Protein backbone atom coordinates (compact mmCIF):
# COMPACT_ATOMS: atom_id res chain seq x y z
CA GLU A 1 188.20 -54.04 185.02
CA VAL A 2 187.53 -57.75 184.43
CA LEU A 3 185.19 -57.71 187.40
CA ALA A 4 183.32 -54.74 185.89
CA VAL A 5 182.84 -56.64 182.62
CA HIS A 6 181.53 -59.67 184.52
CA GLU A 7 179.15 -57.46 186.50
CA ALA A 8 177.89 -55.76 183.33
CA LEU A 9 177.28 -59.11 181.60
CA ASP A 10 175.45 -60.46 184.65
CA ALA A 11 173.23 -57.37 184.69
CA LEU A 12 172.56 -57.74 180.96
CA ALA A 13 171.71 -61.42 181.41
CA ALA A 14 169.15 -60.44 184.05
CA GLU A 15 167.57 -58.15 181.44
CA ASP A 16 168.00 -60.33 178.32
CA VAL A 17 169.69 -63.73 178.50
CA THR A 18 169.97 -64.10 174.73
CA ALA A 19 171.62 -60.70 174.29
CA ALA A 20 174.18 -61.65 176.94
CA GLU A 21 174.88 -64.93 175.12
CA VAL A 22 175.40 -63.02 171.87
CA VAL A 23 177.93 -60.74 173.57
CA LYS A 24 179.82 -63.71 175.02
CA LEU A 25 179.93 -65.48 171.67
CA ARG A 26 181.00 -62.31 169.87
CA TYR A 27 183.67 -61.06 172.29
CA PHE A 28 184.99 -64.14 174.02
CA VAL A 29 184.58 -66.80 171.34
CA GLY A 30 185.11 -64.50 168.35
CA LEU A 31 182.14 -65.59 166.28
CA ASN A 32 180.54 -63.33 163.69
CA ILE A 33 176.79 -62.67 163.55
CA THR A 34 176.10 -65.47 161.06
CA GLU A 35 177.96 -67.98 163.24
CA ILE A 36 176.22 -66.74 166.37
CA ALA A 37 172.85 -67.13 164.69
CA GLU A 38 173.70 -70.70 163.73
CA VAL A 39 174.88 -71.60 167.26
CA LEU A 40 171.77 -70.08 168.87
CA GLY A 41 169.35 -71.42 166.23
CA MET A 42 168.05 -68.08 165.01
CA ALA A 43 168.10 -65.94 161.90
CA PRO A 44 171.17 -63.74 161.43
CA ARG A 45 168.95 -60.64 161.53
CA THR A 46 167.60 -61.71 164.92
CA ALA A 47 171.13 -62.25 166.23
CA ASP A 48 172.07 -58.82 164.90
CA ARG A 49 169.11 -57.22 166.72
CA HIS A 50 170.24 -58.85 169.97
CA TRP A 51 173.79 -57.61 169.31
CA CYS A 52 172.60 -54.03 168.69
CA PHE A 53 170.45 -54.10 171.83
CA ALA A 54 173.31 -55.51 173.92
CA ARG A 55 175.79 -52.89 172.74
CA ALA A 56 173.39 -50.04 173.52
CA TRP A 57 172.42 -51.55 176.88
CA LEU A 58 176.02 -52.12 177.93
CA LYS A 59 177.03 -48.61 176.86
CA GLN A 60 174.26 -47.12 179.01
CA PHE A 61 175.13 -49.42 181.94
CA ILE A 62 178.83 -48.51 181.82
CA GLU A 63 178.14 -44.78 181.47
CA SER A 64 175.71 -44.79 184.39
CA ASP A 65 178.22 -46.78 186.47
CA ARG A 66 180.92 -44.19 185.77
CA ARG A 67 178.64 -41.35 186.84
CA GLY A 68 178.21 -43.02 190.14
């Protein structure tokens, strides 16, 4: 399962590097959107847009992977 998460994050990074960074900071570091925005030098709303995109993208990636 850890390998699947790594694969999904690599695929997301190939699509959108910033979205992948947001996911890493959110899940693995435990930062909130405001903190992520500060670390990445962007507005909180921009960080939130990347977060929303990443969640939707990862959901689709995982669902398509499960279907085969």
